[in-house]
Structures are given as structure tokens and as C-alpha cells.
């Protein structure tokens, strides 16, 4: 069984886990987007940090999910990646 199969089964069998996963989904989505954009540009965390003017450890904390970033911080990261930040309510 691969990870995606395991995740699908676990989420289907545990309503509380599924609820928590959905609650955290926006955070993990922004993390995925930052990592993907950085990788597509062949940038290390240190390279991105230098572009943005912050410490590499801040990028590491963001990407590991150990940091609750402000909109200003995410705007800086987006700019450093040549992207725009968009936030929406659904």
C-alpha cells in the first residue's frame, strides 16, 4: 500500500482525523506551493531567504509547518518567487 492509499483509507475510517486534515489543508497547500515554486526555480532555502532578506531558518520553519506566517511574510515569499499572493474566502 502506498502513502496515498493509506491516507485515503485512514481519512475514510476516522472522522476526527478527516476533520483535522480538512482544517489544516489550507496551511499544507501554501507549503506545497512554496516548495514546488522554489524547486521549479532550482532555489535552495538559503537562496530564497537571500532574495527575500530573511533567515534560511524562517523558510525551513514555514516549509516544515512549524511556523504560522503572517500575510506580509507570505507576500514577501511570493515576491521572492516571482509570484503574487491571493487569499480568498469560500
PDB file of N, CA and C in Angstrom:
ATOM      1  N   UNK A   1       0.856  -1.173   0.000  1.00  0.00           N
ATOM      2  CA  UNK A   1       0.000   0.000   0.000  1.00  0.00           C
ATOM      3  C   UNK A   1       0.901   1.234   0.000  1.00  0.00           C
ATOM      4  N   UNK A   2       0.639   2.155  -0.918  1.00  0.00           N
ATOM      5  CA  UNK A   2       1.423   3.390  -0.935  1.00  0.00           C
ATOM      6  C   UNK A   2       0.791   4.428   0.002  1.00  0.00           C
ATOM      7  N   UNK A   3       1.467   5.565   0.132  1.00  0.00           N
ATOM      8  CA  UNK A   3       1.010   6.583   1.076  1.00  0.00           C
ATOM      9  C   UNK A   3      -0.390   7.102   0.740  1.00  0.00           C
ATOM     10  N   UNK A   4      -0.651   7.369  -0.528  1.00  0.00           N
ATOM     11  CA  UNK A   4      -1.957   7.916  -0.911  1.00  0.00           C
ATOM     12  C   UNK A   4      -3.087   6.946  -0.588  1.00  0.00           C
ATOM     13  N   UNK A   5      -2.852   5.657  -0.795  1.00  0.00           N
ATOM     14  CA  UNK A   5      -3.862   4.664  -0.438  1.00  0.00           C
ATOM     15  C   UNK A   5      -4.072   4.626   1.070  1.00  0.00           C
ATOM     16  N   UNK A   6      -2.964   4.665   1.807  1.00  0.00           N
ATOM     17  CA  UNK A   6      -3.055   4.665   3.269  1.00  0.00           C
ATOM     18  C   UNK A   6      -3.819   5.888   3.769  1.00  0.00           C
ATOM     19  N   UNK A   7      -3.474   7.062   3.213  1.00  0.00           N
ATOM     20  CA  UNK A   7      -4.135   8.305   3.636  1.00  0.00           C
ATOM     21  C   UNK A   7      -5.633   8.241   3.346  1.00  0.00           C
ATOM     22  N   UNK A   8      -5.982   7.782   2.163  1.00  0.00           N
ATOM     23  CA  UNK A   8      -7.398   7.691   1.793  1.00  0.00           C
ATOM     24  C   UNK A   8      -8.153   6.775   2.758  1.00  0.00           C
ATOM     25  N   UNK A   9      -7.548   5.643   3.074  1.00  0.00           N
ATOM     26  CA  UNK A   9      -8.185   4.694   3.987  1.00  0.00           C
ATOM     27  C   UNK A   9      -8.296   5.281   5.400  1.00  0.00           C
ATOM     28  N   UNK A  10      -7.216   5.897   5.863  1.00  0.00           N
ATOM     29  CA  UNK A  10      -7.216   6.464   7.216  1.00  0.00           C
ATOM     30  C   UNK A  10      -8.255   7.567   7.349  1.00  0.00           C
ATOM     31  N   UNK A  11      -8.338   8.439   6.352  1.00  0.00           N
ATOM     32  CA  UNK A  11      -9.303   9.535   6.410  1.00  0.00           C
ATOM     33  C   UNK A  11     -10.739   9.018   6.340  1.00  0.00           C
ATOM     34  N   UNK A  12     -10.958   7.970   5.577  1.00  0.00           N
ATOM     35  CA  UNK A  12     -12.298   7.404   5.457  1.00  0.00           C
ATOM     36  C   UNK A  12     -12.737   6.706   6.746  1.00  0.00           C
ATOM     37  N   UNK A  13     -11.785   6.148   7.476  1.00  0.00           N
ATOM     38  CA  UNK A  13     -12.113   5.355   8.665  1.00  0.00           C
ATOM     39  C   UNK A  13     -12.095   6.141   9.965  1.00  0.00           C
ATOM     40  N   UNK A  14     -11.641   7.384   9.925  1.00  0.00           N
ATOM     41  CA  UNK A  14     -11.528   8.161  11.167  1.00  0.00           C
ATOM     42  C   UNK A  14     -12.075   9.570  10.945  1.00  0.00           C
ATOM     43  N   UNK A  15     -13.340   9.798  11.312  1.00  0.00           N
ATOM     44  CA  UNK A  15     -13.959  11.106  11.075  1.00  0.00           C
ATOM     45  C   UNK A  15     -13.205  12.266  11.737  1.00  0.00           C
ATOM     46  N   UNK A  16     -12.658  12.052  12.935  1.00  0.00           N
ATOM     47  CA  UNK A  16     -11.924  13.134  13.605  1.00  0.00           C
ATOM     48  C   UNK A  16     -10.631  13.460  12.861  1.00  0.00           C
ATOM     49  N   UNK A  17      -9.939  12.435  12.388  1.00  0.00           N
ATOM     50  CA  UNK A  17      -8.727  12.651  11.600  1.00  0.00           C
ATOM     51  C   UNK A  17      -9.069  13.388  10.316  1.00  0.00           C
ATOM     52  N   UNK A  18     -10.146  12.995   9.669  1.00  0.00           N
ATOM     53  CA  UNK A  18     -10.581  13.645   8.441  1.00  0.00           C
ATOM     54  C   UNK A  18     -10.909  15.115   8.686  1.00  0.00           C
ATOM     55  N   UNK A  19     -11.578  15.401   9.787  1.00  0.00           N
ATOM     56  CA  UNK A  19     -11.933  16.783  10.133  1.00  0.00           C
ATOM     57  C   UNK A  19     -10.675  17.623  10.362  1.00  0.00           C
ATOM     58  N   UNK A  20      -9.724  17.085  11.093  1.00  0.00           N
ATOM     59  CA  UNK A  20      -8.477  17.809  11.365  1.00  0.00           C
ATOM     60  C   UNK A  20      -7.677  18.007  10.085  1.00  0.00           C
ATOM     61  N   UNK A  21      -7.644  17.009   9.230  1.00  0.00           N
ATOM     62  CA  UNK A  21      -6.940  17.112   7.950  1.00  0.00           C
ATOM     63  C   UNK A  21      -7.532  18.248   7.112  1.00  0.00           C
ATOM     64  N   UNK A  22      -8.851  18.312   7.058  1.00  0.00           N
ATOM     65  CA  UNK A  22      -9.504  19.379   6.291  1.00  0.00           C
ATOM     66  C   UNK A  22      -9.232  20.748   6.901  1.00  0.00           C
ATOM     67  N   UNK A  23      -9.151  20.814   8.230  1.00  0.00           N
ATOM     68  CA  UNK A  23      -8.869  22.084   8.903  1.00  0.00           C
ATOM     69  C   UNK A  23      -7.465  22.587   8.563  1.00  0.00           C
ATOM     70  N   UNK A  24      -6.531  21.681   8.444  1.00  0.00           N
ATOM     71  CA  UNK A  24      -5.138  22.057   8.176  1.00  0.00           C
ATOM     72  C   UNK A  24      -4.802  22.152   6.691  1.00  0.00           C
ATOM     73  N   UNK A  25      -5.714  21.748   5.844  1.00  0.00           N
ATOM     74  CA  UNK A  25      -5.455  21.697   4.409  1.00  0.00           C
ATOM     75  C   UNK A  25      -4.960  23.018   3.805  1.00  0.00           C
ATOM     76  N   UNK A  26      -5.538  24.176   4.154  1.00  0.00           N
ATOM     77  CA  UNK A  26      -5.024  25.427   3.573  1.00  0.00           C
ATOM     78  C   UNK A  26      -3.553  25.688   3.923  1.00  0.00           C
ATOM     79  N   UNK A  27      -3.154  25.361   5.143  1.00  0.00           N
ATOM     80  CA  UNK A  27      -1.762  25.562   5.535  1.00  0.00           C
ATOM     81  C   UNK A  27      -0.837  24.672   4.717  1.00  0.00           C
ATOM     82  N   UNK A  28      -1.213  23.403   4.581  1.00  0.00           N
ATOM     83  CA  UNK A  28      -0.375  22.486   3.821  1.00  0.00           C
ATOM     84  C   UNK A  28      -0.352  22.835   2.344  1.00  0.00           C
ATOM     85  N   UNK A  29      -1.431  23.392   1.835  1.00  0.00           N
ATOM     86  CA  UNK A  29      -1.469  23.785   0.426  1.00  0.00           C
ATOM     87  C   UNK A  29      -0.476  24.912   0.145  1.00  0.00           C
ATOM     88  N   UNK A  30      -0.411  25.921   1.004  1.00  0.00           N
ATOM     89  CA  UNK A  30       0.542  27.011   0.769  1.00  0.00           C
ATOM     90  C   UNK A  30       1.969  26.488   0.894  1.00  0.00           C
ATOM     91  N   UNK A  31       2.196  25.576   1.830  1.00  0.00           N
ATOM     92  CA  UNK A  31       3.529  24.984   1.972  1.00  0.00           C
ATOM     93  C   UNK A  31       3.903  24.239   0.690  1.00  0.00           C
ATOM     94  N   UNK A  32       2.976  23.433   0.157  1.00  0.00           N
ATOM     95  CA  UNK A  32       3.240  22.701  -1.095  1.00  0.00           C
ATOM     96  C   UNK A  32       3.564  23.664  -2.229  1.00  0.00           C
ATOM     97  N   UNK A  33       2.814  24.756  -2.305  1.00  0.00           N
ATOM     98  CA  UNK A  33       3.039  25.709  -3.386  1.00  0.00           C
ATOM     99  C   UNK A  33       4.398  26.388  -3.273  1.00  0.00           C
ATOM    100  N   UNK A  34       4.798  26.746  -2.075  1.00  0.00           N
ATOM    101  CA  UNK A  34       6.107  27.378  -1.877  1.00  0.00           C
ATOM    102  C   UNK A  34       7.221  26.403  -2.255  1.00  0.00           C
ATOM    103  N   UNK A  35       7.143  25.169  -1.753  1.00  0.00           N
ATOM    104  CA  UNK A  35       8.178  24.181  -2.048  1.00  0.00           C
ATOM    105  C   UNK A  35       8.247  23.899  -3.548  1.00  0.00           C
ATOM    106  N   UNK A  36       7.101  23.753  -4.184  1.00  0.00           N
ATOM    107  CA  UNK A  36       7.067  23.476  -5.624  1.00  0.00           C
ATOM    108  C   UNK A  36       7.668  24.625  -6.423  1.00  0.00           C
ATOM    109  N   UNK A  37       7.265  25.856  -6.112  1.00  0.00           N
ATOM    110  CA  UNK A  37       7.792  27.019  -6.843  1.00  0.00           C
ATOM    111  C   UNK A  37       9.298  27.157  -6.632  1.00  0.00           C
ATOM    112  N   UNK A  38       9.752  26.927  -5.414  1.00  0.00           N
ATOM    113  CA  UNK A  38      11.183  27.021  -5.120  1.00  0.00           C
ATOM    114  C   UNK A  38      11.952  25.948  -5.892  1.00  0.00           C
ATOM    115  N   UNK A  39      11.427  24.728  -5.903  1.00  0.00           N
ATOM    116  CA  UNK A  39      12.084  23.627  -6.615  1.00  0.00           C
ATOM    117  C   UNK A  39      12.107  23.872  -8.130  1.00  0.00           C
ATOM    118  N   UNK A  40      11.013  24.386  -8.671  1.00  0.00           N
ATOM    119  CA  UNK A  40      10.944  24.670 -10.114  1.00  0.00           C
ATOM    120  C   UNK A  40      12.001  25.695 -10.534  1.00  0.00           C
ATOM    121  N   UNK A  41      12.363  26.570  -9.605  1.00  0.00           N
ATOM    122  CA  UNK A  41      13.364  27.594  -9.897  1.00  0.00           C
ATOM    123  C   UNK A  41      14.767  27.171  -9.454  1.00  0.00           C
ATOM    124  N   UNK A  42      14.892  25.916  -9.013  1.00  0.00           N
ATOM    125  CA  UNK A  42      16.174  25.380  -8.540  1.00  0.00           C
ATOM    126  C   UNK A  42      16.793  26.255  -7.455  1.00  0.00           C
ATOM    127  N   UNK A  43      15.952  26.708  -6.537  1.00  0.00           N
ATOM    128  CA  UNK A  43      16.410  27.547  -5.429  1.00  0.00           C
ATOM    129  C   UNK A  43      16.502  26.715  -4.163  1.00  0.00           C
ATOM    130  N   UNK A  44      17.561  26.900  -3.419  1.00  0.00           N
ATOM    131  CA  UNK A  44      17.634  26.316  -2.081  1.00  0.00           C
ATOM    132  C   UNK A  44      16.857  27.227  -1.134  1.00  0.00           C
ATOM    133  N   UNK A  45      16.628  26.742   0.065  1.00  0.00           N
ATOM    134  CA  UNK A  45      16.001  27.600   1.068  1.00  0.00           C
ATOM    135  C   UNK A  45      16.862  28.828   1.301  1.00  0.00           C
ATOM    136  N   UNK A  46      18.173  28.646   1.327  1.00  0.00           N
ATOM    137  CA  UNK A  46      19.091  29.780   1.550  1.00  0.00           C
ATOM    138  C   UNK A  46      19.000  30.790   0.412  1.00  0.00           C
ATOM    139  N   UNK A  47      18.880  30.299  -0.829  1.00  0.00           N
ATOM    140  CA  UNK A  47      18.752  31.201  -1.981  1.00  0.00           C
ATOM    141  C   UNK A  47      17.491  32.051  -1.864  1.00  0.00           C
ATOM    142  N   UNK A  48      16.378  31.399  -1.532  1.00  0.00           N
ATOM    143  CA  UNK A  48      15.116  32.136  -1.401  1.00  0.00           C
ATOM    144  C   UNK A  48      15.192  33.127  -0.249  1.00  0.00           C
ATOM    145  N   UNK A  49      15.763  32.697   0.858  1.00  0.00           N
ATOM    146  CA  UNK A  49      15.892  33.587   2.014  1.00  0.00           C
ATOM    147  C   UNK A  49      16.697  34.828   1.654  1.00  0.00           C
ATOM    148  N   UNK A  50      17.763  34.635   0.906  1.00  0.00           N
ATOM    149  CA  UNK A  50      18.594  35.774   0.489  1.00  0.00           C
ATOM    150  C   UNK A  50      17.803  36.730  -0.403  1.00  0.00           C
ATOM    151  N   UNK A  51      17.032  36.168  -1.337  1.00  0.00           N
ATOM    152  CA  UNK A  51      16.189  37.004  -2.208  1.00  0.00           C
ATOM    153  C   UNK A  51      15.202  37.840  -1.399  1.00  0.00           C
ATOM    154  N   UNK A  52      14.655  37.228  -0.361  1.00  0.00           N
ATOM    155  CA  UNK A  52      13.599  37.867   0.418  1.00  0.00           C
ATOM    156  C   UNK A  52      14.162  38.766   1.520  1.00  0.00           C
ATOM    157  N   UNK A  53      15.401  38.491   1.945  1.00  0.00           N
ATOM    158  CA  UNK A  53      16.010  39.284   3.011  1.00  0.00           C
ATOM    159  C   UNK A  53      15.667  38.780   4.394  1.00  0.00           C
ATOM    160  N   UNK A  54      15.534  37.452   4.510  1.00  0.00           N
ATOM    161  CA  UNK A  54      15.234  36.841   5.801  1.00  0.00           C
ATOM    162  C   UNK A  54      16.228  35.708   6.042  1.00  0.00           C
ATOM    163  N   UNK A  55      16.127  35.077   7.196  1.00  0.00           N
ATOM    164  CA  UNK A  55      16.998  33.945   7.514  1.00  0.00           C
ATOM    165  C   UNK A  55      16.457  32.665   6.876  1.00  0.00           C
ATOM    166  N   UNK A  56      17.391  31.789   6.505  1.00  0.00           N
ATOM    167  CA  UNK A  56      17.020  30.489   5.930  1.00  0.00           C
ATOM    168  C   UNK A  56      16.158  29.705   6.899  1.00  0.00           C
ATOM    169  N   UNK A  57      16.394  29.859   8.186  1.00  0.00           N
ATOM    170  CA  UNK A  57      15.615  29.111   9.181  1.00  0.00           C
ATOM    171  C   UNK A  57      14.133  29.479   9.121  1.00  0.00           C
ATOM    172  N   UNK A  58      13.816  30.707   8.705  1.00  0.00           N
ATOM    173  CA  UNK A  58      12.408  31.100   8.558  1.00  0.00           C
ATOM    174  C   UNK A  58      11.742  30.330   7.419  1.00  0.00           C
ATOM    175  N   UNK A  59      12.483  30.126   6.331  1.00  0.00           N
ATOM    176  CA  UNK A  59      11.958  29.337   5.211  1.00  0.00           C
ATOM    177  C   UNK A  59      11.764  27.889   5.664  1.00  0.00           C
ATOM    178  N   UNK A  60      12.742  27.370   6.380  1.00  0.00           N
ATOM    179  CA  UNK A  60      12.670  25.993   6.873  1.00  0.00           C
ATOM    180  C   UNK A  60      11.465  25.788   7.775  1.00  0.00           C
ATOM    181  N   UNK A  61      11.235  26.717   8.698  1.00  0.00           N
ATOM    182  CA  UNK A  61      10.086  26.597   9.606  1.00  0.00           C
ATOM    183  C   UNK A  61       8.773  26.650   8.837  1.00  0.00           C
ATOM    184  N   UNK A  62       8.694  27.533   7.836  1.00  0.00           N
ATOM    185  CA  UNK A  62       7.483  27.611   7.016  1.00  0.00           C
ATOM    186  C   UNK A  62       7.246  26.281   6.307  1.00  0.00           C
ATOM    187  N   UNK A  63       8.273  25.770   5.638  1.00  0.00           N
ATOM    188  CA  UNK A  63       8.117  24.564   4.830  1.00  0.00           C
ATOM    189  C   UNK A  63       7.868  23.314   5.668  1.00  0.00           C
ATOM    190  N   UNK A  64       8.295  23.330   6.910  1.00  0.00           N
ATOM    191  CA  UNK A  64       8.069  22.163   7.771  1.00  0.00           C
ATOM    192  C   UNK A  64       6.724  22.239   8.499  1.00  0.00           C
ATOM    193  N   UNK A  65       6.037  23.377   8.380  1.00  0.00           N
ATOM    194  CA  UNK A  65       4.753  23.540   9.042  1.00  0.00           C
ATOM    195  C   UNK A  65       4.877  23.970  10.487  1.00  0.00           C
ATOM    196  N   UNK A  66       6.067  24.412  10.884  1.00  0.00           N
ATOM    197  CA  UNK A  66       6.302  24.825  12.275  1.00  0.00           C
ATOM    198  C   UNK A  66       6.243  26.334  12.457  1.00  0.00           C
ATOM    199  N   UNK A  67       5.566  27.018  11.554  1.00  0.00           N
ATOM    200  CA  UNK A  67       5.512  28.469  11.610  1.00  0.00           C
ATOM    201  C   UNK A  67       4.158  28.910  11.094  1.00  0.00           C
ATOM    202  N   UNK A  68       3.532  29.812  11.790  1.00  0.00           N
ATOM    203  CA  UNK A  68       2.255  30.360  11.365  1.00  0.00           C
ATOM    204  C   UNK A  68       2.542  31.725  10.747  1.00  0.00           C
ATOM    205  N   UNK A  69       2.739  31.785   9.443  1.00  0.00           N
ATOM    206  CA  UNK A  69       3.197  33.018   8.807  1.00  0.00           C
ATOM    207  C   UNK A  69       2.111  34.090   8.720  1.00  0.00           C
ATOM    208  N   UNK A  70       2.568  35.323   8.757  1.00  0.00           N
ATOM    209  CA  UNK A  70       1.658  36.449   8.539  1.00  0.00           C
ATOM    210  C   UNK A  70       1.439  36.607   7.034  1.00  0.00           C
ATOM    211  N   UNK A  71       0.422  37.363   6.669  1.00  0.00           N
ATOM    212  CA  UNK A  71       0.195  37.646   5.256  1.00  0.00           C
ATOM    213  C   UNK A  71       1.369  38.420   4.674  1.00  0.00           C
ATOM    214  N   UNK A  72       1.956  39.318   5.459  1.00  0.00           N
ATOM    215  CA  UNK A  72       3.107  40.082   4.986  1.00  0.00           C
ATOM    216  C   UNK A  72       4.278  39.148   4.671  1.00  0.00           C
ATOM    217  N   UNK A  73       4.521  38.172   5.539  1.00  0.00           N
ATOM    218  CA  UNK A  73       5.593  37.210   5.307  1.00  0.00           C
ATOM    219  C   UNK A  73       5.326  36.418   4.027  1.00  0.00           C
ATOM    220  N   UNK A  74       4.092  35.933   3.855  1.00  0.00           N
ATOM    221  CA  UNK A  74       3.754  35.173   2.651  1.00  0.00           C
ATOM    222  C   UNK A  74       3.862  36.032   1.398  1.00  0.00           C
ATOM    223  N   UNK A  75       3.527  37.303   1.513  1.00  0.00           N
ATOM    224  CA  UNK A  75       3.662  38.232   0.388  1.00  0.00           C
ATOM    225  C   UNK A  75       5.132  38.361  -0.014  1.00  0.00           C
ATOM    226  N   UNK A  76       6.015  38.449   0.975  1.00  0.00           N
ATOM    227  CA  UNK A  76       7.456  38.540   0.696  1.00  0.00           C
ATOM    228  C   UNK A  76       7.955  37.272   0.013  1.00  0.00           C
ATOM    229  N   UNK A  77       7.515  36.123   0.510  1.00  0.00           N
ATOM    230  CA  UNK A  77       7.920  34.849  -0.087  1.00  0.00           C
ATOM    231  C   UNK A  77       7.429  34.776  -1.530  1.00  0.00           C
ATOM    232  N   UNK A  78       6.173  35.121  -1.749  1.00  0.00           N
ATOM    233  CA  UNK A  78       5.614  35.102  -3.102  1.00  0.00           C
ATOM    234  C   UNK A  78       6.421  36.005  -4.026  1.00  0.00           C
ATOM    235  N   UNK A  79       6.731  37.196  -3.564  1.00  0.00           N
ATOM    236  CA  UNK A  79       7.515  38.135  -4.374  1.00  0.00           C
ATOM    237  C   UNK A  79       8.894  37.569  -4.684  1.00  0.00           C
ATOM    238  N   UNK A  80       9.527  36.959  -3.697  1.00  0.00           N
ATOM    239  CA  UNK A  80      10.836  36.354  -3.906  1.00  0.00           C
ATOM    240  C   UNK A  80      10.804  35.224  -4.916  1.00  0.00           C
ATOM    241  N   UNK A  81       9.648  34.614  -5.082  1.00  0.00           N
ATOM    242  CA  UNK A  81       9.467  33.542  -6.057  1.00  0.00           C
ATOM    243  C   UNK A  81       8.923  34.056  -7.387  1.00  0.00           C
ATOM    244  N   UNK A  82       8.743  35.380  -7.484  1.00  0.00           N
ATOM    245  CA  UNK A  82       8.191  35.959  -8.706  1.00  0.00           C
ATOM    246  C   UNK A  82       6.710  35.674  -8.865  1.00  0.00           C
ATOM    247  N   UNK A  83       6.034  35.510  -7.740  1.00  0.00           N
ATOM    248  CA  UNK A  83       4.604  35.177  -7.744  1.00  0.00           C
ATOM    249  C   UNK A  83       3.820  36.269  -7.035  1.00  0.00           C
ATOM    250  N   UNK A  84       2.502  36.162  -7.121  1.00  0.00           N
ATOM    251  CA  UNK A  84       1.595  37.028  -6.377  1.00  0.00           C
ATOM    252  C   UNK A  84       0.864  36.192  -5.354  1.00  0.00           C
ATOM    253  N   UNK A  85       0.551  36.799  -4.230  1.00  0.00           N
ATOM    254  CA  UNK A  85      -0.223  36.118  -3.191  1.00  0.00           C
ATOM    255  C   UNK A  85      -1.684  36.501  -3.354  1.00  0.00           C
ATOM    256  N   UNK A  86      -2.553  35.489  -3.390  1.00  0.00           N
ATOM    257  CA  UNK A  86      -4.001  35.704  -3.445  1.00  0.00           C
ATOM    258  C   UNK A  86      -4.630  34.941  -2.300  1.00  0.00           C
ATOM    259  N   UNK A  87      -5.521  35.592  -1.592  1.00  0.00           N
ATOM    260  CA  UNK A  87      -6.233  34.966  -0.477  1.00  0.00           C
ATOM    261  C   UNK A  87      -7.718  35.075  -0.774  1.00  0.00           C
ATOM    262  N   UNK A  88      -8.451  34.006  -0.518  1.00  0.00           N
ATOM    263  CA  UNK A  88      -9.884  34.061  -0.776  1.00  0.00           C
ATOM    264  C   UNK A  88     -10.647  33.333   0.319  1.00  0.00           C
ATOM    265  N   UNK A  89     -11.856  33.761   0.497  1.00  0.00           N
ATOM    266  CA  UNK A  89     -12.776  33.073   1.408  1.00  0.00           C
ATOM    267  C   UNK A  89     -13.785  32.330   0.561  1.00  0.00           C
ATOM    268  N   UNK A  90     -14.089  31.120   0.954  1.00  0.00           N
ATOM    269  CA  UNK A  90     -15.071  30.328   0.181  1.00  0.00           C
ATOM    270  C   UNK A  90     -16.230  29.967   1.070  1.00  0.00           C
TER     271      UNK A  90
END
